[in-house]
Protein backbone atom coordinates (compact mmCIF):
# COMPACT_ATOMS: atom_id res chain seq x y z
CA UNK A 1 5.08 10.28 -5.24
CA UNK A 2 2.84 11.70 -2.54
CA UNK A 3 0.18 10.39 -0.22
CA UNK A 4 -2.50 10.46 -2.93
CA UNK A 5 -1.22 7.04 -4.08
CA UNK A 6 -1.90 3.83 -2.19
CA UNK A 7 -0.83 0.20 -2.11
CA UNK A 8 -3.13 -2.57 -0.92
CA UNK A 9 -1.62 -5.60 0.82
CA UNK A 10 -4.06 -8.49 0.55
CA UNK A 11 -3.96 -12.06 1.81
CA UNK A 12 -0.44 -11.92 3.27
CA UNK A 13 0.26 -13.18 6.78
CA UNK A 14 -0.33 -10.37 9.27
CA UNK A 15 3.32 -9.86 10.26
CA UNK A 16 4.41 -9.92 6.62
CA UNK A 17 1.74 -7.35 5.73
CA UNK A 18 2.94 -5.11 8.57
CA UNK A 19 6.56 -5.49 7.37
CA UNK A 20 5.60 -4.58 3.79
CA UNK A 21 3.66 -1.57 5.09
CA UNK A 22 6.64 -0.46 7.17
CA UNK A 23 9.03 -0.72 4.20
CA UNK A 24 6.74 1.20 1.86
CA UNK A 25 5.94 3.96 4.33
CA UNK A 26 9.55 4.42 5.47
CA UNK A 27 11.02 4.50 1.94
CA UNK A 28 8.23 6.19 -0.03
CA UNK A 29 5.62 8.83 0.64
CA UNK A 30 2.75 6.46 -0.04
CA UNK A 31 -0.05 5.07 2.07
CA UNK A 32 -0.76 1.37 2.55
CA UNK A 33 -4.08 -0.35 3.07
CA UNK A 34 -3.27 -3.56 4.97
CA UNK A 35 -5.51 -6.59 4.97
CA UNK A 36 -4.57 -9.96 6.45
CA UNK A 37 -7.54 -11.49 4.62
CA UNK A 38 -9.22 -10.57 1.38
CA UNK A 39 -12.91 -11.07 2.11
CA UNK A 40 -13.78 -7.41 1.59
CA UNK A 41 -10.82 -6.03 -0.38
CA UNK A 42 -13.03 -4.60 -3.14
CA UNK A 43 -14.32 -2.00 -0.68
CA UNK A 44 -11.17 0.07 -1.32
CA UNK A 45 -11.02 -0.30 -5.12
CA UNK A 46 -10.87 3.46 -5.62
CA UNK A 47 -8.16 3.97 -3.01
CA UNK A 48 -5.50 1.50 -4.17
CA UNK A 49 -3.14 2.13 -7.06
CA UNK A 50 -0.97 -0.97 -6.57
CA UNK A 51 -1.27 -4.37 -4.94
CA UNK A 52 0.81 -6.95 -3.10
CA UNK A 53 -1.23 -10.17 -3.04
CA UNK A 54 -0.91 -13.91 -2.70
CA UNK A 55 -1.34 -16.07 -5.83
CA UNK A 56 -4.58 -17.41 -4.34
CA UNK A 57 -6.02 -13.90 -4.12
CA UNK A 58 -4.84 -13.10 -7.66
CA UNK A 59 -6.23 -16.28 -9.23
CA UNK A 60 -9.42 -16.17 -7.15
CA UNK A 61 -10.14 -12.64 -8.43
CA UNK A 62 -8.80 -12.69 -11.99
CA UNK A 63 -11.53 -10.38 -13.26
CA UNK A 64 -10.33 -7.73 -10.81
CA UNK A 65 -6.56 -8.21 -11.03
CA UNK A 66 -6.02 -8.87 -14.74
CA UNK A 67 -6.56 -5.21 -15.68
CA UNK A 68 -4.27 -4.28 -12.76
CA UNK A 69 -1.60 -6.96 -13.29
CA UNK A 70 1.17 -4.48 -14.16
CA UNK A 71 0.59 -2.86 -10.77
CA UNK A 72 0.55 -6.11 -8.80
CA UNK A 73 3.27 -8.05 -6.97
CA UNK A 74 2.69 -11.64 -5.90
CA UNK A 75 3.90 -12.85 -2.51
CA UNK A 76 4.48 -16.54 -1.91
CA UNK A 77 6.48 -19.69 -2.41
CA UNK A 78 6.60 -21.07 -5.92
CA UNK A 79 8.33 -24.40 -6.24
CA UNK A 80 11.42 -24.16 -8.43
CA UNK A 81 11.34 -20.38 -8.70
CA UNK A 82 13.47 -19.27 -5.76
CA UNK A 83 16.18 -16.88 -6.90
CA UNK A 84 14.59 -16.02 -10.26
CA UNK A 85 15.28 -12.51 -11.48
CA UNK A 86 12.88 -10.18 -13.23
CA UNK A 87 9.78 -11.70 -11.65
CA UNK A 88 6.92 -9.72 -10.19
CA UNK A 89 7.12 -12.04 -7.20
CA UNK A 90 8.28 -11.55 -3.61
CA UNK A 91 9.49 -14.77 -2.02
CA UNK A 92 9.31 -15.25 1.77
CA UNK A 93 13.05 -16.08 1.72
CA UNK A 94 13.98 -12.80 -0.04
CA UNK A 95 16.10 -10.49 2.06
CA UNK A 96 14.97 -6.98 2.92
CA UNK A 97 17.03 -5.34 0.15
CA UNK A 98 15.48 -7.55 -2.57
CA UNK A 99 11.96 -6.96 -1.25
CA UNK A 100 12.69 -3.22 -1.10
CA UNK A 101 13.83 -3.23 -4.74
CA UNK A 102 10.70 -5.06 -5.87
CA UNK A 103 8.45 -2.70 -3.92
CA UNK A 104 10.29 0.30 -5.37
CA UNK A 105 9.82 -1.15 -8.85
CA UNK A 106 6.10 -1.56 -8.17
CA UNK A 107 5.78 2.01 -6.93
CA UNK A 108 7.75 3.37 -9.90
CA UNK A 109 5.44 1.34 -12.18
CA UNK A 110 2.44 3.00 -10.58
CA UNK A 111 3.97 6.40 -11.25
CA UNK A 112 4.51 5.46 -14.93
CA UNK A 113 1.00 3.99 -15.24
CA UNK A 114 2.42 0.49 -15.77
CA UNK A 115 4.16 1.02 -19.10
CA UNK A 116 6.38 -2.03 -19.63
CA UNK A 117 9.25 -2.21 -22.12
CA UNK A 118 9.99 -5.29 -24.21
CA UNK A 119 6.47 -6.29 -25.21
CA UNK A 120 6.25 -9.84 -26.57
CA UNK A 121 5.24 -10.26 -30.20
CA UNK A 122 2.07 -12.18 -31.10
CA UNK A 123 4.15 -15.22 -32.16
CA UNK A 124 6.20 -15.12 -28.94
CA UNK A 125 2.93 -15.10 -26.99
CA UNK A 126 1.76 -18.16 -28.97
CA UNK A 127 5.02 -19.96 -28.16
CA UNK A 128 4.72 -18.95 -24.51
CA UNK A 129 1.12 -20.22 -24.32
CA UNK A 130 2.17 -23.61 -25.63
CA UNK A 131 5.28 -23.69 -23.45
CA UNK A 132 3.34 -23.07 -20.23
CA UNK A 133 0.80 -25.67 -21.37
CA UNK A 134 3.61 -28.21 -21.04
CA UNK A 135 4.57 -28.60 -24.70
CA UNK A 136 8.17 -29.33 -25.66
CA UNK A 137 9.98 -27.54 -28.49
CA UNK A 138 9.13 -30.22 -31.08
CA UNK A 139 5.43 -30.13 -30.19
CA UNK A 140 5.40 -26.33 -30.36
CA UNK A 141 7.13 -26.41 -33.75
CA UNK A 142 4.63 -28.96 -35.11
CA UNK A 143 1.62 -27.06 -33.74
CA UNK A 144 2.75 -23.71 -35.20
CA UNK A 145 4.22 -25.17 -38.41
CA UNK A 146 7.65 -23.71 -37.76
CA UNK A 147 11.10 -25.24 -37.27
CA UNK A 148 12.50 -26.24 -33.90
CA UNK A 149 15.25 -23.64 -34.39
CA UNK A 150 12.59 -20.95 -34.76
CA UNK A 151 10.95 -22.11 -31.52
CA UNK A 152 14.33 -21.93 -29.78
CA UNK A 153 14.86 -18.42 -31.14
CA UNK A 154 11.42 -17.34 -29.88
CA UNK A 155 12.22 -18.84 -26.45
CA UNK A 156 15.52 -16.92 -26.35
CA UNK A 157 13.66 -13.70 -27.25
CA UNK A 158 11.05 -14.36 -24.55
CA UNK A 159 13.81 -14.93 -21.98
CA UNK A 160 15.63 -11.77 -23.08
CA UNK A 161 12.49 -9.63 -22.91
CA UNK A 162 11.19 -11.01 -19.61
CA UNK A 163 14.42 -11.91 -17.85
CA UNK A 164 12.83 -15.25 -16.91
CA UNK A 165 14.54 -18.55 -17.68
CA UNK A 166 12.42 -21.23 -16.00
CA UNK A 167 9.14 -22.61 -17.29
CA UNK A 168 7.59 -22.12 -13.85
CA UNK A 169 8.65 -18.48 -13.90
CA UNK A 170 7.23 -18.06 -17.40
CA UNK A 171 3.98 -19.62 -16.17
CA UNK A 172 3.67 -16.92 -13.52
CA UNK A 173 4.56 -14.27 -16.12
CA UNK A 174 1.90 -15.62 -18.49
CA UNK A 175 -0.69 -15.60 -15.70
CA UNK A 176 0.19 -12.06 -14.62
CA UNK A 177 0.01 -10.82 -18.21
CA UNK A 178 -3.12 -12.62 -19.36
CA UNK A 179 -1.28 -14.91 -21.78
CA UNK A 180 -2.99 -18.28 -21.59
C-alpha cells in the first residue's frame, strides 16, 4: 500500500495503541498516528485514511466519523457481542491473529475506498432501525404493515448480508453505517 496511507489510533489504552501500531507497521507498509487520548485528533484529519477508535470517541464525534465509518474499526468491550463474526469491532479478548485479520481488512478497505458488498435494501434498513430500537417482530410487522414472515425474511437477509446475528451486533452495525 505504501507509506502515503495512514491509520489513526484514537482513545485506546496506551499499550493497546502501541500494540496496534506494531502490528500494522510490521505487516503492512503503512504509517500509524498513535493517540492515547482524543482531545486534539482533528489536527491530523488530512493525514489519516483509516481509524481504530473506542465507541466513546466514535459516538462523541459522529459528525467526523460517520462519513469515515467504512474506514473505522471500533475497539472495546460490548456486552453480549464477544465472538461475533463480521463486525468492525476489535475486542480486548481477541487473539493476535483475529486482530491482525481485522486490521488487514481495514487496510484493504482503505485501498478499495471503502466499497462494501451486500448493501441493505431500503426496507431492510427500515426493519433494522426498528429492530435496534427494541421492537419485536410483531411490532415491526404492524408498524410497516407487512406480515411477520416478511419481517423474519428481512431479518434473515440482514444477517446474511452483514454476517451479524445478535441484536447488539446489529446495533453497532447500524451505528457504524448511519442507520438509525
